[in-house]
N, C-alpha and C. Protein backbone atom coordinates (compact mmCIF):
# COMPACT_ATOMS: atom_id res chain seq x y z
N MET A 1 -6.46 -10.47 -32.52
CA MET A 1 -5.59 -10.71 -31.37
C MET A 1 -4.56 -9.59 -31.22
N ARG A 2 -4.08 -9.11 -32.36
CA ARG A 2 -3.08 -8.04 -32.33
C ARG A 2 -3.65 -6.75 -31.75
N ILE A 3 -4.88 -6.43 -32.11
CA ILE A 3 -5.53 -5.23 -31.58
C ILE A 3 -5.72 -5.35 -30.07
N PHE A 4 -6.07 -6.54 -29.61
CA PHE A 4 -6.24 -6.76 -28.17
C PHE A 4 -4.92 -6.54 -27.43
N LEU A 5 -3.83 -7.06 -27.96
CA LEU A 5 -2.52 -6.89 -27.30
C LEU A 5 -2.07 -5.44 -27.30
N LEU A 6 -2.31 -4.72 -28.39
CA LEU A 6 -1.95 -3.30 -28.44
C LEU A 6 -2.78 -2.49 -27.44
N THR A 7 -4.05 -2.82 -27.32
CA THR A 7 -4.91 -2.13 -26.35
C THR A 7 -4.46 -2.43 -24.93
N LEU A 8 -4.13 -3.68 -24.66
CA LEU A 8 -3.65 -4.06 -23.32
C LEU A 8 -2.35 -3.34 -22.99
N MET A 9 -1.44 -3.27 -23.93
CA MET A 9 -0.17 -2.58 -23.69
C MET A 9 -0.37 -1.09 -23.45
N SER A 10 -1.31 -0.48 -24.15
CA SER A 10 -1.56 0.95 -23.95
C SER A 10 -2.14 1.20 -22.56
N PHE A 11 -2.98 0.31 -22.06
CA PHE A 11 -3.52 0.47 -20.71
C PHE A 11 -2.44 0.29 -19.65
N LEU A 12 -1.48 -0.57 -19.90
CA LEU A 12 -0.41 -0.80 -18.93
C LEU A 12 0.56 0.38 -18.86
N LEU A 13 0.68 1.15 -19.93
CA LEU A 13 1.62 2.27 -19.96
C LEU A 13 1.01 3.58 -19.47
N VAL A 14 -0.26 3.61 -19.19
CA VAL A 14 -0.93 4.85 -18.79
C VAL A 14 -0.44 5.33 -17.43
N GLY A 15 -0.16 4.46 -16.51
CA GLY A 15 0.19 4.85 -15.16
C GLY A 15 1.61 5.33 -14.98
N CYS A 16 2.39 5.42 -16.02
CA CYS A 16 3.81 5.77 -15.90
C CYS A 16 4.08 7.25 -16.08
N GLN A 17 3.10 8.11 -15.89
CA GLN A 17 3.32 9.51 -16.18
C GLN A 17 3.88 10.31 -15.00
N ARG A 18 3.55 9.97 -13.76
CA ARG A 18 4.02 10.76 -12.62
C ARG A 18 4.19 9.85 -11.42
N ALA A 19 5.38 9.88 -10.84
CA ALA A 19 5.64 9.08 -9.64
C ALA A 19 5.63 10.00 -8.43
N PRO A 20 4.73 9.80 -7.47
CA PRO A 20 4.70 10.66 -6.29
C PRO A 20 5.93 10.45 -5.43
N SER A 21 6.54 11.57 -5.02
CA SER A 21 7.73 11.48 -4.18
C SER A 21 7.78 12.70 -3.25
N PHE A 22 8.61 12.59 -2.21
CA PHE A 22 8.79 13.65 -1.24
C PHE A 22 10.25 14.08 -1.25
N SER A 23 10.49 15.35 -1.00
CA SER A 23 11.85 15.84 -0.87
C SER A 23 12.21 15.88 0.62
N LEU A 24 13.10 15.02 1.02
CA LEU A 24 13.57 14.96 2.41
C LEU A 24 15.08 15.16 2.44
N GLY A 25 15.50 16.26 3.00
CA GLY A 25 16.94 16.53 3.09
C GLY A 25 17.59 16.73 1.73
N GLY A 26 16.85 17.19 0.76
CA GLY A 26 17.40 17.43 -0.56
C GLY A 26 17.35 16.23 -1.48
N ALA A 27 16.93 15.09 -0.99
CA ALA A 27 16.83 13.89 -1.82
C ALA A 27 15.37 13.51 -1.96
N TYR A 28 15.03 12.97 -3.11
CA TYR A 28 13.64 12.58 -3.36
C TYR A 28 13.45 11.11 -2.98
N PHE A 29 12.49 10.86 -2.09
CA PHE A 29 12.14 9.52 -1.68
C PHE A 29 10.79 9.17 -2.27
N PRO A 30 10.63 7.93 -2.72
CA PRO A 30 9.32 7.54 -3.25
C PRO A 30 8.28 7.53 -2.13
N ALA A 31 7.09 7.96 -2.48
CA ALA A 31 6.03 8.08 -1.48
C ALA A 31 5.63 6.72 -0.92
N TRP A 32 5.67 5.68 -1.75
CA TRP A 32 5.24 4.38 -1.27
C TRP A 32 6.15 3.89 -0.14
N LEU A 33 7.41 4.29 -0.17
CA LEU A 33 8.34 3.85 0.88
C LEU A 33 7.97 4.47 2.23
N LEU A 34 7.66 5.75 2.21
CA LEU A 34 7.27 6.42 3.46
C LEU A 34 5.91 5.94 3.95
N PHE A 35 4.99 5.74 3.03
CA PHE A 35 3.66 5.29 3.43
C PHE A 35 3.68 3.84 3.90
N SER A 36 4.59 3.04 3.39
CA SER A 36 4.67 1.65 3.87
C SER A 36 5.18 1.60 5.31
N LEU A 37 6.08 2.50 5.66
CA LEU A 37 6.52 2.56 7.06
C LEU A 37 5.38 2.97 7.98
N GLY A 38 4.58 3.91 7.55
CA GLY A 38 3.41 4.30 8.33
C GLY A 38 2.40 3.18 8.43
N ALA A 39 2.26 2.40 7.35
CA ALA A 39 1.31 1.29 7.36
C ALA A 39 1.77 0.19 8.32
N VAL A 40 3.07 0.01 8.45
CA VAL A 40 3.58 -0.98 9.42
C VAL A 40 3.21 -0.55 10.84
N VAL A 41 3.36 0.72 11.13
CA VAL A 41 3.04 1.23 12.48
C VAL A 41 1.55 1.06 12.76
N VAL A 42 0.70 1.42 11.79
CA VAL A 42 -0.75 1.30 11.98
C VAL A 42 -1.14 -0.17 12.15
N THR A 43 -0.52 -1.06 11.38
CA THR A 43 -0.83 -2.48 11.49
C THR A 43 -0.40 -3.03 12.86
N LEU A 44 0.74 -2.59 13.36
CA LEU A 44 1.17 -3.03 14.70
C LEU A 44 0.21 -2.54 15.78
N LEU A 45 -0.27 -1.31 15.64
CA LEU A 45 -1.26 -0.81 16.60
C LEU A 45 -2.57 -1.60 16.51
N LEU A 46 -2.97 -1.94 15.29
CA LEU A 46 -4.18 -2.74 15.11
C LEU A 46 -4.00 -4.15 15.67
N ARG A 47 -2.79 -4.68 15.58
CA ARG A 47 -2.52 -6.00 16.16
C ARG A 47 -2.68 -5.96 17.67
N LEU A 48 -2.23 -4.88 18.30
CA LEU A 48 -2.43 -4.74 19.74
C LEU A 48 -3.91 -4.71 20.10
N VAL A 49 -4.70 -4.04 19.28
CA VAL A 49 -6.15 -4.02 19.50
C VAL A 49 -6.72 -5.43 19.33
N PHE A 50 -6.25 -6.15 18.32
CA PHE A 50 -6.73 -7.53 18.11
C PHE A 50 -6.38 -8.43 19.29
N ILE A 51 -5.19 -8.25 19.86
CA ILE A 51 -4.78 -9.06 21.01
C ILE A 51 -5.64 -8.73 22.22
N ARG A 52 -5.91 -7.44 22.43
CA ARG A 52 -6.75 -7.02 23.57
C ARG A 52 -8.16 -7.57 23.50
N THR A 53 -8.72 -7.59 22.26
CA THR A 53 -10.10 -8.05 22.10
C THR A 53 -10.21 -9.56 21.94
N GLY A 54 -9.09 -10.26 21.80
CA GLY A 54 -9.11 -11.70 21.64
C GLY A 54 -9.29 -12.15 20.20
N LEU A 55 -9.33 -11.23 19.27
CA LEU A 55 -9.51 -11.58 17.86
C LEU A 55 -8.25 -12.21 17.27
N ASP A 56 -7.10 -11.91 17.84
CA ASP A 56 -5.85 -12.46 17.34
C ASP A 56 -5.79 -13.97 17.49
N ASP A 57 -6.42 -14.50 18.52
CA ASP A 57 -6.42 -15.95 18.74
C ASP A 57 -7.28 -16.69 17.72
N VAL A 58 -8.25 -16.00 17.14
CA VAL A 58 -9.18 -16.61 16.20
C VAL A 58 -8.61 -16.66 14.79
N LEU A 59 -7.67 -15.76 14.47
CA LEU A 59 -7.12 -15.69 13.11
C LEU A 59 -6.35 -16.95 12.78
N ARG A 60 -6.59 -17.48 11.58
CA ARG A 60 -5.91 -18.71 11.19
C ARG A 60 -4.58 -18.45 10.51
N PHE A 61 -4.56 -17.54 9.55
CA PHE A 61 -3.34 -17.25 8.79
C PHE A 61 -2.85 -15.85 9.17
N LYS A 62 -2.27 -15.76 10.35
CA LYS A 62 -1.90 -14.46 10.91
C LYS A 62 -0.92 -13.67 10.04
N PRO A 63 0.17 -14.27 9.55
CA PRO A 63 1.09 -13.47 8.71
C PRO A 63 0.42 -12.93 7.45
N LEU A 64 -0.40 -13.75 6.83
CA LEU A 64 -1.09 -13.30 5.63
C LEU A 64 -2.07 -12.17 5.93
N VAL A 65 -2.78 -12.27 7.03
CA VAL A 65 -3.75 -11.24 7.42
C VAL A 65 -3.04 -9.93 7.71
N TYR A 66 -1.94 -9.97 8.44
CA TYR A 66 -1.26 -8.74 8.82
C TYR A 66 -0.54 -8.10 7.63
N ILE A 67 0.00 -8.91 6.74
CA ILE A 67 0.61 -8.37 5.52
C ILE A 67 -0.45 -7.73 4.64
N ALA A 68 -1.60 -8.37 4.53
CA ALA A 68 -2.70 -7.81 3.73
C ALA A 68 -3.19 -6.49 4.33
N LEU A 69 -3.29 -6.43 5.65
CA LEU A 69 -3.70 -5.18 6.30
C LEU A 69 -2.68 -4.07 6.04
N MET A 70 -1.40 -4.40 6.09
CA MET A 70 -0.37 -3.42 5.83
C MET A 70 -0.47 -2.88 4.40
N VAL A 71 -0.68 -3.77 3.45
CA VAL A 71 -0.81 -3.34 2.05
C VAL A 71 -2.06 -2.49 1.86
N ILE A 72 -3.15 -2.87 2.49
CA ILE A 72 -4.39 -2.09 2.38
C ILE A 72 -4.20 -0.69 2.96
N PHE A 73 -3.57 -0.57 4.12
CA PHE A 73 -3.35 0.74 4.72
C PHE A 73 -2.42 1.60 3.86
N CYS A 74 -1.39 0.99 3.31
CA CYS A 74 -0.45 1.74 2.48
C CYS A 74 -1.13 2.24 1.20
N LEU A 75 -1.85 1.39 0.52
CA LEU A 75 -2.52 1.79 -0.72
C LEU A 75 -3.63 2.79 -0.46
N ALA A 76 -4.35 2.63 0.64
CA ALA A 76 -5.41 3.59 0.96
C ALA A 76 -4.82 4.97 1.25
N ALA A 77 -3.70 5.02 1.95
CA ALA A 77 -3.07 6.31 2.23
C ALA A 77 -2.54 6.95 0.95
N LEU A 78 -1.97 6.15 0.06
CA LEU A 78 -1.50 6.68 -1.21
C LEU A 78 -2.65 7.24 -2.03
N LEU A 79 -3.76 6.53 -2.06
CA LEU A 79 -4.93 7.02 -2.80
C LEU A 79 -5.49 8.29 -2.16
N PHE A 80 -5.50 8.35 -0.86
CA PHE A 80 -6.05 9.50 -0.16
C PHE A 80 -5.21 10.76 -0.42
N PHE A 81 -3.88 10.63 -0.38
CA PHE A 81 -3.01 11.79 -0.51
C PHE A 81 -2.66 12.17 -1.95
N PHE A 82 -2.69 11.20 -2.88
CA PHE A 82 -2.23 11.49 -4.23
C PHE A 82 -3.31 11.31 -5.30
N ALA A 83 -4.56 11.14 -4.92
CA ALA A 83 -5.63 11.04 -5.92
C ALA A 83 -5.86 12.42 -6.52
N ARG A 84 -6.15 12.42 -7.78
CA ARG A 84 -6.37 13.70 -8.47
C ARG A 84 -7.76 14.15 -8.32
């Protein structure tokens, strides 16, 4: 059990080596913050498309769907721009 916990802890610490950030006006902003703002804009545009096509009326859990879309767009953009 101890070996399992040590292995699990080592896997959890692997991702802490480099945090992607941007320099804006001399200050460093985390990349996820900027990409989340972009994801909100893309999700709002997609919502307009859903309303035009009538798909918005069919969705049952609209807040959950739109939050999930925003997270997917943000993470996909982060992977696209910062993947090694």
